């Protein structure tokens, strides 16, 4: 469950700092060929997520580890 009260969904859910309100829509071109077309919604928070960092929800821990950390271009739509 996310801090917004909904279940986290792969290719949809982002965790972000409180400077991004819950419900903020963010486009990440890197993911344009994925099932979501690159569009995500901020649905969660994270204690170590600060500033302009985002956490993309993935179905598996191993998938998240394999993806790792990346600096990606993002566009915020409110």
PDB file of N, CA and C in Angstrom:
ATOM      1  N   UNK A   1       0.835  -1.183   0.000  1.00  0.00           N
ATOM      2  CA  UNK A   1       0.000   0.000   0.000  1.00  0.00           C
ATOM      3  C   UNK A   1       0.883   1.252   0.000  1.00  0.00           C
ATOM      4  N   UNK A   2       0.438   2.244  -0.690  1.00  0.00           N
ATOM      5  CA  UNK A   2       1.168   3.506  -0.754  1.00  0.00           C
ATOM      6  C   UNK A   2       0.648   4.453   0.326  1.00  0.00           C
ATOM      7  N   UNK A   3       1.352   5.544   0.528  1.00  0.00           N
ATOM      8  CA  UNK A   3       0.907   6.526   1.517  1.00  0.00           C
ATOM      9  C   UNK A   3      -0.382   7.229   1.088  1.00  0.00           C
ATOM     10  N   UNK A   4      -0.731   7.120  -0.197  1.00  0.00           N
ATOM     11  CA  UNK A   4      -1.983   7.714  -0.676  1.00  0.00           C
ATOM     12  C   UNK A   4      -3.170   6.781  -0.452  1.00  0.00           C
ATOM     13  N   UNK A   5      -2.888   5.563   0.015  1.00  0.00           N
ATOM     14  CA  UNK A   5      -3.952   4.615   0.323  1.00  0.00           C
ATOM     15  C   UNK A   5      -4.308   3.658  -0.797  1.00  0.00           C
ATOM     16  N   UNK A   6      -3.581   3.692  -1.907  1.00  0.00           N
ATOM     17  CA  UNK A   6      -3.843   2.767  -3.004  1.00  0.00           C
ATOM     18  C   UNK A   6      -2.697   1.774  -3.124  1.00  0.00           C
ATOM     19  N   UNK A   7      -2.969   0.658  -3.765  1.00  0.00           N
ATOM     20  CA  UNK A   7      -1.942  -0.357  -3.976  1.00  0.00           C
ATOM     21  C   UNK A   7      -0.969   0.119  -5.057  1.00  0.00           C
ATOM     22  N   UNK A   8       0.316  -0.027  -4.798  1.00  0.00           N
ATOM     23  CA  UNK A   8       1.335   0.343  -5.785  1.00  0.00           C
ATOM     24  C   UNK A   8       1.176  -0.523  -7.032  1.00  0.00           C
ATOM     25  N   UNK A   9       1.332   0.115  -8.187  1.00  0.00           N
ATOM     26  CA  UNK A   9       1.162  -0.560  -9.466  1.00  0.00           C
ATOM     27  C   UNK A   9       2.395  -0.326 -10.327  1.00  0.00           C
ATOM     28  N   UNK A  10       2.921  -1.417 -10.859  1.00  0.00           N
ATOM     29  CA  UNK A  10       4.076  -1.325 -11.743  1.00  0.00           C
ATOM     30  C   UNK A  10       3.715  -0.516 -12.983  1.00  0.00           C
ATOM     31  N   UNK A  11       4.632   0.295 -13.458  1.00  0.00           N
ATOM     32  CA  UNK A  11       4.471   1.171 -14.624  1.00  0.00           C
ATOM     33  C   UNK A  11       3.416   2.248 -14.386  1.00  0.00           C
ATOM     34  N   UNK A  12       3.228   2.609 -13.108  1.00  0.00           N
ATOM     35  CA  UNK A  12       2.262   3.658 -12.790  1.00  0.00           C
ATOM     36  C   UNK A  12       2.683   4.463 -11.564  1.00  0.00           C
ATOM     37  N   UNK A  13       3.087   3.780 -10.499  1.00  0.00           N
ATOM     38  CA  UNK A  13       3.335   4.408  -9.208  1.00  0.00           C
ATOM     39  C   UNK A  13       4.751   4.958  -9.079  1.00  0.00           C
ATOM     40  N   UNK A  14       4.841   6.201  -8.593  1.00  0.00           N
ATOM     41  CA  UNK A  14       6.112   6.823  -8.224  1.00  0.00           C
ATOM     42  C   UNK A  14       6.058   7.202  -6.753  1.00  0.00           C
ATOM     43  N   UNK A  15       7.198   7.129  -6.099  1.00  0.00           N
ATOM     44  CA  UNK A  15       7.363   7.726  -4.773  1.00  0.00           C
ATOM     45  C   UNK A  15       8.223   8.967  -4.983  1.00  0.00           C
ATOM     46  N   UNK A  16       7.848  10.048  -4.297  1.00  0.00           N
ATOM     47  CA  UNK A  16       8.561  11.312  -4.468  1.00  0.00           C
ATOM     48  C   UNK A  16       8.565  12.083  -3.161  1.00  0.00           C
ATOM     49  N   UNK A  17       9.413  13.099  -3.096  1.00  0.00           N
ATOM     50  CA  UNK A  17       9.483  13.978  -1.926  1.00  0.00           C
ATOM     51  C   UNK A  17       8.174  14.751  -1.795  1.00  0.00           C
ATOM     52  N   UNK A  18       7.938  15.316  -0.626  1.00  0.00           N
ATOM     53  CA  UNK A  18       6.683  16.036  -0.370  1.00  0.00           C
ATOM     54  C   UNK A  18       6.536  17.296  -1.226  1.00  0.00           C
ATOM     55  N   UNK A  19       7.606  17.719  -1.885  1.00  0.00           N
ATOM     56  CA  UNK A  19       7.499  18.867  -2.789  1.00  0.00           C
ATOM     57  C   UNK A  19       6.666  18.532  -4.030  1.00  0.00           C
ATOM     58  N   UNK A  20       6.428  17.242  -4.274  1.00  0.00           N
ATOM     59  CA  UNK A  20       5.551  16.786  -5.352  1.00  0.00           C
ATOM     60  C   UNK A  20       4.265  16.278  -4.715  1.00  0.00           C
ATOM     61  N   UNK A  21       3.159  16.988  -4.862  1.00  0.00           N
ATOM     62  CA  UNK A  21       1.908  16.545  -4.244  1.00  0.00           C
ATOM     63  C   UNK A  21       1.474  15.164  -4.748  1.00  0.00           C
ATOM     64  N   UNK A  22       0.828  14.404  -3.871  1.00  0.00           N
ATOM     65  CA  UNK A  22       0.240  13.137  -4.291  1.00  0.00           C
ATOM     66  C   UNK A  22      -0.696  13.445  -5.459  1.00  0.00           C
ATOM     67  N   UNK A  23      -0.618  12.632  -6.500  1.00  0.00           N
ATOM     68  CA  UNK A  23      -1.443  12.830  -7.688  1.00  0.00           C
ATOM     69  C   UNK A  23      -0.723  13.549  -8.812  1.00  0.00           C
ATOM     70  N   UNK A  24       0.481  14.075  -8.536  1.00  0.00           N
ATOM     71  CA  UNK A  24       1.259  14.745  -9.580  1.00  0.00           C
ATOM     72  C   UNK A  24       1.576  13.749 -10.691  1.00  0.00           C
ATOM     73  N   UNK A  25       1.382  14.166 -11.918  1.00  0.00           N
ATOM     74  CA  UNK A  25       1.666  13.327 -13.080  1.00  0.00           C
ATOM     75  C   UNK A  25       3.040  13.702 -13.612  1.00  0.00           C
ATOM     76  N   UNK A  26       3.863  12.677 -13.840  1.00  0.00           N
ATOM     77  CA  UNK A  26       5.229  12.904 -14.314  1.00  0.00           C
ATOM     78  C   UNK A  26       5.489  12.031 -15.543  1.00  0.00           C
ATOM     79  N   UNK A  27       6.007  12.659 -16.590  1.00  0.00           N
ATOM     80  CA  UNK A  27       6.375  11.941 -17.806  1.00  0.00           C
ATOM     81  C   UNK A  27       7.881  11.742 -17.811  1.00  0.00           C
ATOM     82  N   UNK A  28       8.308  10.502 -18.025  1.00  0.00           N
ATOM     83  CA  UNK A  28       9.734  10.163 -18.101  1.00  0.00           C
ATOM     84  C   UNK A  28       9.985   9.532 -19.471  1.00  0.00           C
ATOM     85  N   UNK A  29      10.560  10.298 -20.401  1.00  0.00           N
ATOM     86  CA  UNK A  29      10.751   9.805 -21.770  1.00  0.00           C
ATOM     87  C   UNK A  29      11.516   8.479 -21.868  1.00  0.00           C
ATOM     88  N   UNK A  30      12.400   8.205 -20.938  1.00  0.00           N
ATOM     89  CA  UNK A  30      13.166   6.958 -20.938  1.00  0.00           C
ATOM     90  C   UNK A  30      12.230   5.739 -21.009  1.00  0.00           C
ATOM     91  N   UNK A  31      11.043   5.855 -20.426  1.00  0.00           N
ATOM     92  CA  UNK A  31      10.087   4.751 -20.355  1.00  0.00           C
ATOM     93  C   UNK A  31       9.011   4.824 -21.443  1.00  0.00           C
ATOM     94  N   UNK A  32       9.226   5.614 -22.478  1.00  0.00           N
ATOM     95  CA  UNK A  32       8.187   5.833 -23.494  1.00  0.00           C
ATOM     96  C   UNK A  32       7.743   4.549 -24.196  1.00  0.00           C
ATOM     97  N   UNK A  33       8.579   3.542 -24.254  1.00  0.00           N
ATOM     98  CA  UNK A  33       8.230   2.280 -24.921  1.00  0.00           C
ATOM     99  C   UNK A  33       7.681   1.234 -23.956  1.00  0.00           C
ATOM    100  N   UNK A  34       7.477   1.597 -22.723  1.00  0.00           N
ATOM    101  CA  UNK A  34       6.929   0.674 -21.721  1.00  0.00           C
ATOM    102  C   UNK A  34       5.406   0.738 -21.741  1.00  0.00           C
ATOM    103  N   UNK A  35       4.737  -0.165 -21.009  1.00  0.00           N
ATOM    104  CA  UNK A  35       3.260  -0.209 -21.050  1.00  0.00           C
ATOM    105  C   UNK A  35       2.561   1.104 -20.691  1.00  0.00           C
ATOM    106  N   UNK A  36       3.196   1.952 -19.903  1.00  0.00           N
ATOM    107  CA  UNK A  36       2.581   3.219 -19.478  1.00  0.00           C
ATOM    108  C   UNK A  36       2.887   4.374 -20.432  1.00  0.00           C
ATOM    109  N   UNK A  37       3.693   4.123 -21.438  1.00  0.00           N
ATOM    110  CA  UNK A  37       4.082   5.184 -22.367  1.00  0.00           C
ATOM    111  C   UNK A  37       4.959   6.244 -21.739  1.00  0.00           C
ATOM    112  N   UNK A  38       5.466   5.963 -20.535  1.00  0.00           N
ATOM    113  CA  UNK A  38       6.338   6.908 -19.837  1.00  0.00           C
ATOM    114  C   UNK A  38       5.625   7.763 -18.804  1.00  0.00           C
ATOM    115  N   UNK A  39       4.317   7.590 -18.626  1.00  0.00           N
ATOM    116  CA  UNK A  39       3.525   8.406 -17.692  1.00  0.00           C
ATOM    117  C   UNK A  39       3.387   7.711 -16.341  1.00  0.00           C
ATOM    118  N   UNK A  40       3.641   8.461 -15.277  1.00  0.00           N
ATOM    119  CA  UNK A  40       3.561   7.945 -13.907  1.00  0.00           C
ATOM    120  C   UNK A  40       2.760   8.919 -13.048  1.00  0.00           C
ATOM    121  N   UNK A  41       2.316   8.430 -11.880  1.00  0.00           N
ATOM    122  CA  UNK A  41       1.602   9.269 -10.915  1.00  0.00           C
ATOM    123  C   UNK A  41       2.280   9.134  -9.556  1.00  0.00           C
ATOM    124  N   UNK A  42       2.543  10.248  -8.905  1.00  0.00           N
ATOM    125  CA  UNK A  42       3.095  10.227  -7.548  1.00  0.00           C
ATOM    126  C   UNK A  42       2.001   9.720  -6.615  1.00  0.00           C
ATOM    127  N   UNK A  43       2.246   8.562  -6.006  1.00  0.00           N
ATOM    128  CA  UNK A  43       1.286   7.955  -5.102  1.00  0.00           C
ATOM    129  C   UNK A  43       1.890   7.623  -3.748  1.00  0.00           C
ATOM    130  N   UNK A  44       3.187   7.842  -3.586  1.00  0.00           N
ATOM    131  CA  UNK A  44       3.841   7.410  -2.358  1.00  0.00           C
ATOM    132  C   UNK A  44       4.951   8.376  -1.964  1.00  0.00           C
ATOM    133  N   UNK A  45       5.391   8.233  -0.748  1.00  0.00           N
ATOM    134  CA  UNK A  45       6.508   8.987  -0.179  1.00  0.00           C
ATOM    135  C   UNK A  45       7.589   7.999   0.228  1.00  0.00           C
ATOM    136  N   UNK A  46       8.760   8.504   0.495  1.00  0.00           N
ATOM    137  CA  UNK A  46       9.846   7.671   0.990  1.00  0.00           C
ATOM    138  C   UNK A  46      10.755   8.514   1.851  1.00  0.00           C
ATOM    139  N   UNK A  47      11.163   7.974   2.988  1.00  0.00           N
ATOM    140  CA  UNK A  47      11.989   8.724   3.924  1.00  0.00           C
ATOM    141  C   UNK A  47      13.305   9.192   3.342  1.00  0.00           C
ATOM    142  N   UNK A  48      13.865   8.416   2.430  1.00  0.00           N
ATOM    143  CA  UNK A  48      15.160   8.795   1.858  1.00  0.00           C
ATOM    144  C   UNK A  48      15.025   9.454   0.484  1.00  0.00           C
ATOM    145  N   UNK A  49      13.794   9.720   0.063  1.00  0.00           N
ATOM    146  CA  UNK A  49      13.585  10.373  -1.233  1.00  0.00           C
ATOM    147  C   UNK A  49      13.540  11.875  -0.997  1.00  0.00           C
ATOM    148  N   UNK A  50      14.552  12.555  -1.487  1.00  0.00           N
ATOM    149  CA  UNK A  50      14.696  13.993  -1.253  1.00  0.00           C
ATOM    150  C   UNK A  50      14.837  14.734  -2.575  1.00  0.00           C
ATOM    151  N   UNK A  51      14.566  16.034  -2.525  1.00  0.00           N
ATOM    152  CA  UNK A  51      14.775  16.941  -3.656  1.00  0.00           C
ATOM    153  C   UNK A  51      14.084  16.447  -4.916  1.00  0.00           C
ATOM    154  N   UNK A  52      14.820  16.320  -5.992  1.00  0.00           N
ATOM    155  CA  UNK A  52      14.241  15.913  -7.278  1.00  0.00           C
ATOM    156  C   UNK A  52      14.407  14.430  -7.576  1.00  0.00           C
ATOM    157  N   UNK A  53      14.558  13.632  -6.557  1.00  0.00           N
ATOM    158  CA  UNK A  53      14.700  12.187  -6.751  1.00  0.00           C
ATOM    159  C   UNK A  53      13.313  11.551  -6.792  1.00  0.00           C
ATOM    160  N   UNK A  54      13.166  10.534  -7.627  1.00  0.00           N
ATOM    161  CA  UNK A  54      11.927   9.777  -7.743  1.00  0.00           C
ATOM    162  C   UNK A  54      12.247   8.297  -7.600  1.00  0.00           C
ATOM    163  N   UNK A  55      11.275   7.542  -7.127  1.00  0.00           N
ATOM    164  CA  UNK A  55      11.421   6.096  -7.012  1.00  0.00           C
ATOM    165  C   UNK A  55      10.308   5.451  -7.826  1.00  0.00           C
ATOM    166  N   UNK A  56      10.675   4.745  -8.885  1.00  0.00           N
ATOM    167  CA  UNK A  56       9.719   4.068  -9.751  1.00  0.00           C
ATOM    168  C   UNK A  56       9.397   2.715  -9.141  1.00  0.00           C
ATOM    169  N   UNK A  57       8.121   2.456  -8.895  1.00  0.00           N
ATOM    170  CA  UNK A  57       7.727   1.157  -8.339  1.00  0.00           C
ATOM    171  C   UNK A  57       7.909   0.073  -9.386  1.00  0.00           C
ATOM    172  N   UNK A  58       8.544  -1.032  -8.981  1.00  0.00           N
ATOM    173  CA  UNK A  58       8.714  -2.196  -9.842  1.00  0.00           C
ATOM    174  C   UNK A  58       8.192  -3.406  -9.096  1.00  0.00           C
ATOM    175  N   UNK A  59       7.689  -4.381  -9.841  1.00  0.00           N
ATOM    176  CA  UNK A  59       7.061  -5.560  -9.237  1.00  0.00           C
ATOM    177  C   UNK A  59       7.994  -6.390  -8.378  1.00  0.00           C
ATOM    178  N   UNK A  60       9.278  -6.419  -8.736  1.00  0.00           N
ATOM    179  CA  UNK A  60      10.210  -7.269  -7.990  1.00  0.00           C
ATOM    180  C   UNK A  60      11.417  -6.479  -7.505  1.00  0.00           C
ATOM    181  N   UNK A  61      11.948  -6.934  -6.389  1.00  0.00           N
ATOM    182  CA  UNK A  61      13.157  -6.325  -5.846  1.00  0.00           C
ATOM    183  C   UNK A  61      14.318  -6.523  -6.816  1.00  0.00           C
ATOM    184  N   UNK A  62      14.401  -7.714  -7.398  1.00  0.00           N
ATOM    185  CA  UNK A  62      15.510  -7.987  -8.324  1.00  0.00           C
ATOM    186  C   UNK A  62      15.416  -7.086  -9.561  1.00  0.00           C
ATOM    187  N   UNK A  63      14.207  -6.797 -10.030  1.00  0.00           N
ATOM    188  CA  UNK A  63      14.041  -5.883 -11.155  1.00  0.00           C
ATOM    189  C   UNK A  63      14.506  -4.483 -10.816  1.00  0.00           C
ATOM    190  N   UNK A  64      14.205  -4.050  -9.584  1.00  0.00           N
ATOM    191  CA  UNK A  64      14.644  -2.720  -9.143  1.00  0.00           C
ATOM    192  C   UNK A  64      16.164  -2.661  -9.024  1.00  0.00           C
ATOM    193  N   UNK A  65      16.755  -3.698  -8.477  1.00  0.00           N
ATOM    194  CA  UNK A  65      18.226  -3.754  -8.341  1.00  0.00           C
ATOM    195  C   UNK A  65      18.866  -3.751  -9.726  1.00  0.00           C
ATOM    196  N   UNK A  66      18.319  -4.535 -10.635  1.00  0.00           N
ATOM    197  CA  UNK A  66      18.868  -4.597 -11.993  1.00  0.00           C
ATOM    198  C   UNK A  66      18.765  -3.237 -12.683  1.00  0.00           C
ATOM    199  N   UNK A  67      17.649  -2.524 -12.494  1.00  0.00           N
ATOM    200  CA  UNK A  67      17.478  -1.206 -13.089  1.00  0.00           C
ATOM    201  C   UNK A  67      18.465  -0.218 -12.484  1.00  0.00           C
ATOM    202  N   UNK A  68      18.634  -0.273 -11.174  1.00  0.00           N
ATOM    203  CA  UNK A  68      19.604   0.577 -10.485  1.00  0.00           C
ATOM    204  C   UNK A  68      19.164   2.023 -10.387  1.00  0.00           C
ATOM    205  N   UNK A  69      20.141   2.898 -10.216  1.00  0.00           N
ATOM    206  CA  UNK A  69      19.898   4.342 -10.130  1.00  0.00           C
ATOM    207  C   UNK A  69      20.304   4.984 -11.441  1.00  0.00           C
ATOM    208  N   UNK A  70      19.463   5.884 -11.895  1.00  0.00           N
ATOM    209  CA  UNK A  70      19.747   6.582 -13.143  1.00  0.00           C
ATOM    210  C   UNK A  70      19.346   8.048 -13.010  1.00  0.00           C
ATOM    211  N   UNK A  71      20.029   8.895 -13.725  1.00  0.00           N
ATOM    212  CA  UNK A  71      19.626  10.301 -13.835  1.00  0.00           C
ATOM    213  C   UNK A  71      18.871  10.418 -15.147  1.00  0.00           C
ATOM    214  N   UNK A  72      17.561  10.660 -15.062  1.00  0.00           N
ATOM    215  CA  UNK A  72      16.714  10.684 -16.250  1.00  0.00           C
ATOM    216  C   UNK A  72      15.986  12.006 -16.381  1.00  0.00           C
ATOM    217  N   UNK A  73      15.705  12.380 -17.588  1.00  0.00           N
ATOM    218  CA  UNK A  73      14.917  13.570 -17.883  1.00  0.00           C
ATOM    219  C   UNK A  73      13.462  13.297 -17.507  1.00  0.00           C
ATOM    220  N   UNK A  74      12.832  14.250 -16.817  1.00  0.00           N
ATOM    221  CA  UNK A  74      11.433  14.108 -16.389  1.00  0.00           C
ATOM    222  C   UNK A  74      10.692  15.412 -16.617  1.00  0.00           C
ATOM    223  N   UNK A  75       9.396  15.298 -16.867  1.00  0.00           N
ATOM    224  CA  UNK A  75       8.532  16.446 -17.038  1.00  0.00           C
ATOM    225  C   UNK A  75       7.353  16.328 -16.080  1.00  0.00           C
ATOM    226  N   UNK A  76       7.098  17.388 -15.336  1.00  0.00           N
ATOM    227  CA  UNK A  76       6.041  17.383 -14.324  1.00  0.00           C
ATOM    228  C   UNK A  76       4.801  18.054 -14.887  1.00  0.00           C
ATOM    229  N   UNK A  77       3.675  17.349 -14.769  1.00  0.00           N
ATOM    230  CA  UNK A  77       2.359  17.885 -15.142  1.00  0.00           C
ATOM    231  C   UNK A  77       1.505  17.843 -13.894  1.00  0.00           C
ATOM    232  N   UNK A  78       0.965  18.976 -13.493  1.00  0.00           N
ATOM    233  CA  UNK A  78       0.191  18.990 -12.247  1.00  0.00           C
ATOM    234  C   UNK A  78      -1.277  18.964 -12.511  1.00  0.00           C
TER     235      UNK A  78
END
